[in-house]
Amino acid sequence: MRLESLPKTKELKSRKRVGHGPGSGMGKTSTHGEKGQKARSGVSISAWFQGGQSPLYRRLPKRGFNNKRFETKYATINLSDLEKFFNDGDVVSPEILKSRGIIKKQLSGVKVLANGELSKKLTVKANRFSSVAVSKIEAAGGKTEVI
């Protein structure tokens, strides 16, 4: 077996040199075909472009209704956060949470979730509570108040 008889791999192949005269087979148009938008340099045509014709997504009517604009979003806080940031007997309200930087935005209100354990006796005022969070707060001797 001789080295020159081995099949050429990708690393050994020389790169395609376009635009080197008509004798190379890749001269004149440099493998870009004849005239047109795609033969020009810097071409990037989006997949949905239809040659200047009014595109399909604009020809079809708008349908349906999306209620996302009116949804209520709550800033959430876990019991583990209340355990970490508050002392026994404290009152927790959305204004205190925001002033201490525990929540960034109040949004439509604050919802207390039951992730983590609570051993301190707290009075928690919030817009919503998960049912497990209420039972954990009351088991620790605290109170829940819906605003």
Protein backbone atom coordinates (compact mmCIF):
# COMPACT_ATOMS: atom_id res chain seq x y z
CA MET A 1 0.00 0.00 0.00
CA ARG A 2 1.24 3.45 -0.93
CA LEU A 3 0.36 6.81 0.57
CA GLU A 4 -0.87 8.25 -2.74
CA SER A 5 -3.30 5.33 -3.14
CA LEU A 6 -5.12 6.18 0.12
CA PRO A 7 -8.51 7.90 -0.31
CA LYS A 8 -8.40 11.67 0.18
CA THR A 9 -9.92 12.79 3.48
CA LYS A 10 -11.46 16.17 4.19
CA GLU A 11 -8.20 17.42 5.74
CA LEU A 12 -6.11 16.51 2.68
CA LYS A 13 -8.43 18.00 0.06
CA SER A 14 -7.44 21.47 -1.15
CA ARG A 15 -10.13 24.14 -0.85
CA LYS A 16 -12.27 25.15 -3.81
CA ARG A 17 -10.74 28.24 -5.46
CA VAL A 18 -13.49 30.11 -7.25
CA GLY A 19 -13.11 32.98 -9.68
CA HIS A 20 -9.85 31.84 -11.32
CA GLY A 21 -10.79 32.06 -14.96
CA PRO A 22 -13.02 30.03 -17.30
CA GLY A 23 -10.55 27.13 -17.54
CA SER A 24 -10.97 26.28 -13.85
CA GLY A 25 -14.65 25.46 -14.29
CA MET A 26 -15.41 27.86 -11.48
CA GLY A 27 -14.58 31.17 -13.11
CA LYS A 28 -16.80 33.97 -14.36
CA THR A 29 -19.81 33.62 -12.01
CA SER A 30 -17.82 31.84 -9.27
CA THR A 31 -20.45 29.09 -8.72
CA HIS A 32 -23.18 31.71 -8.08
CA GLY A 33 -25.12 30.96 -11.27
CA GLU A 34 -26.27 33.81 -13.48
CA LYS A 35 -27.74 37.20 -12.53
CA GLY A 36 -30.17 37.93 -9.72
CA GLN A 37 -30.45 38.74 -6.04
CA LYS A 38 -28.82 35.51 -4.88
CA ALA A 39 -25.78 36.09 -7.11
CA ARG A 40 -24.90 39.30 -5.26
CA SER A 41 -22.60 39.46 -2.25
CA GLY A 42 -24.09 39.88 1.20
CA VAL A 43 -27.39 38.24 0.30
CA SER A 44 -29.57 37.04 3.15
CA ILE A 45 -33.16 36.33 2.21
CA SER A 46 -35.47 35.18 4.97
CA ALA A 47 -37.28 31.87 4.49
CA TRP A 48 -40.72 33.56 4.39
CA PHE A 49 -39.74 36.20 1.79
CA GLN A 50 -41.93 35.85 -1.31
CA GLY A 51 -40.18 38.09 -3.80
CA GLY A 52 -41.85 41.37 -2.85
CA GLN A 53 -45.33 39.83 -3.06
CA SER A 54 -47.55 40.49 -0.05
CA PRO A 55 -46.55 37.68 2.32
CA LEU A 56 -48.91 34.94 3.40
CA TYR A 57 -48.90 35.98 7.07
CA ARG A 58 -50.22 39.42 6.04
CA ARG A 59 -52.78 38.08 3.55
CA LEU A 60 -54.50 35.91 6.15
CA PRO A 61 -56.87 37.60 8.63
CA LYS A 62 -56.07 37.91 12.31
CA ARG A 63 -58.12 35.48 14.39
CA GLY A 64 -58.71 34.70 18.03
CA PHE A 65 -58.33 36.54 21.29
CA ASN A 66 -55.41 36.54 23.68
CA ASN A 67 -56.14 37.36 27.31
CA LYS A 68 -52.46 37.53 28.36
CA ARG A 69 -52.51 41.33 28.69
CA PHE A 70 -55.06 41.13 31.51
CA GLU A 71 -53.59 38.22 33.49
CA THR A 72 -52.85 38.67 37.18
CA LYS A 73 -49.25 37.97 38.10
CA TYR A 74 -48.21 37.61 41.70
CA ALA A 75 -44.81 38.13 43.25
CA THR A 76 -44.13 34.84 45.03
CA ILE A 77 -42.35 34.25 48.32
CA ASN A 78 -41.63 30.95 50.06
CA LEU A 79 -41.82 30.08 53.75
CA SER A 80 -38.07 29.42 53.69
CA ASP A 81 -37.55 33.12 52.82
CA LEU A 82 -39.81 34.23 55.69
CA GLU A 83 -37.80 31.97 58.04
CA LYS A 84 -34.53 33.50 56.85
CA PHE A 85 -35.42 37.22 56.80
CA PHE A 86 -37.84 37.69 59.73
CA ASN A 87 -37.70 37.27 63.50
CA ASP A 88 -40.23 35.71 65.85
CA GLY A 89 -43.35 37.89 66.26
CA ASP A 90 -42.77 40.09 63.18
CA VAL A 91 -45.53 41.29 60.86
CA VAL A 92 -44.91 40.52 57.20
CA SER A 93 -46.64 42.65 54.55
CA PRO A 94 -45.99 43.34 50.84
CA GLU A 95 -44.68 46.84 51.66
CA ILE A 96 -42.12 45.46 54.14
CA LEU A 97 -41.06 42.74 51.67
CA LYS A 98 -40.50 45.36 48.96
CA SER A 99 -38.67 47.80 51.24
CA ARG A 100 -36.27 45.07 52.40
CA GLY A 101 -35.63 44.01 48.78
CA ILE A 102 -36.95 40.47 49.25
CA ILE A 103 -39.31 40.94 46.31
CA LYS A 104 -38.45 43.22 43.39
CA LYS A 105 -41.97 44.15 42.21
CA GLN A 106 -45.34 43.81 43.88
CA LEU A 107 -47.07 43.16 40.51
CA SER A 108 -50.77 42.34 41.18
CA GLY A 109 -49.93 41.33 44.73
CA VAL A 110 -47.93 38.81 46.77
CA LYS A 111 -48.57 35.08 47.01
CA VAL A 112 -47.06 32.98 49.82
CA LEU A 113 -45.98 29.47 48.81
CA ALA A 114 -45.25 26.52 51.11
CA ASN A 115 -41.69 25.69 50.03
CA GLY A 116 -39.53 25.22 53.12
CA GLU A 117 -40.26 25.03 56.83
CA LEU A 118 -41.37 27.77 59.24
CA SER A 119 -40.63 27.66 62.97
CA LYS A 120 -41.25 31.34 63.83
CA LYS A 121 -44.53 32.87 64.95
CA LEU A 122 -45.29 35.42 62.19
CA THR A 123 -48.32 37.44 61.14
CA VAL A 124 -48.32 37.27 57.36
CA LYS A 125 -50.41 39.68 55.26
CA ALA A 126 -50.59 38.83 51.56
CA ASN A 127 -52.99 38.80 48.63
CA ARG A 128 -52.95 35.02 48.23
CA PHE A 129 -51.76 31.93 50.10
CA SER A 130 -51.37 28.33 49.06
CA SER A 131 -53.43 26.04 51.29
CA VAL A 132 -50.33 24.19 52.52
CA ALA A 133 -48.65 27.52 53.38
CA VAL A 134 -51.63 28.53 55.54
CA SER A 135 -51.51 25.24 57.45
CA LYS A 136 -47.72 25.53 58.00
CA ILE A 137 -47.94 29.14 59.23
CA GLU A 138 -50.78 28.30 61.64
CA ALA A 139 -48.93 25.17 62.84
CA ALA A 140 -45.98 27.40 63.79
CA GLY A 141 -48.36 29.61 65.81
CA GLY A 142 -48.63 32.43 63.29
CA LYS A 143 -51.58 34.14 61.59
CA THR A 144 -52.50 34.70 57.94
CA GLU A 145 -54.42 37.73 56.68
CA VAL A 146 -55.69 38.07 53.11
CA ILE A 147 -55.43 41.67 51.92
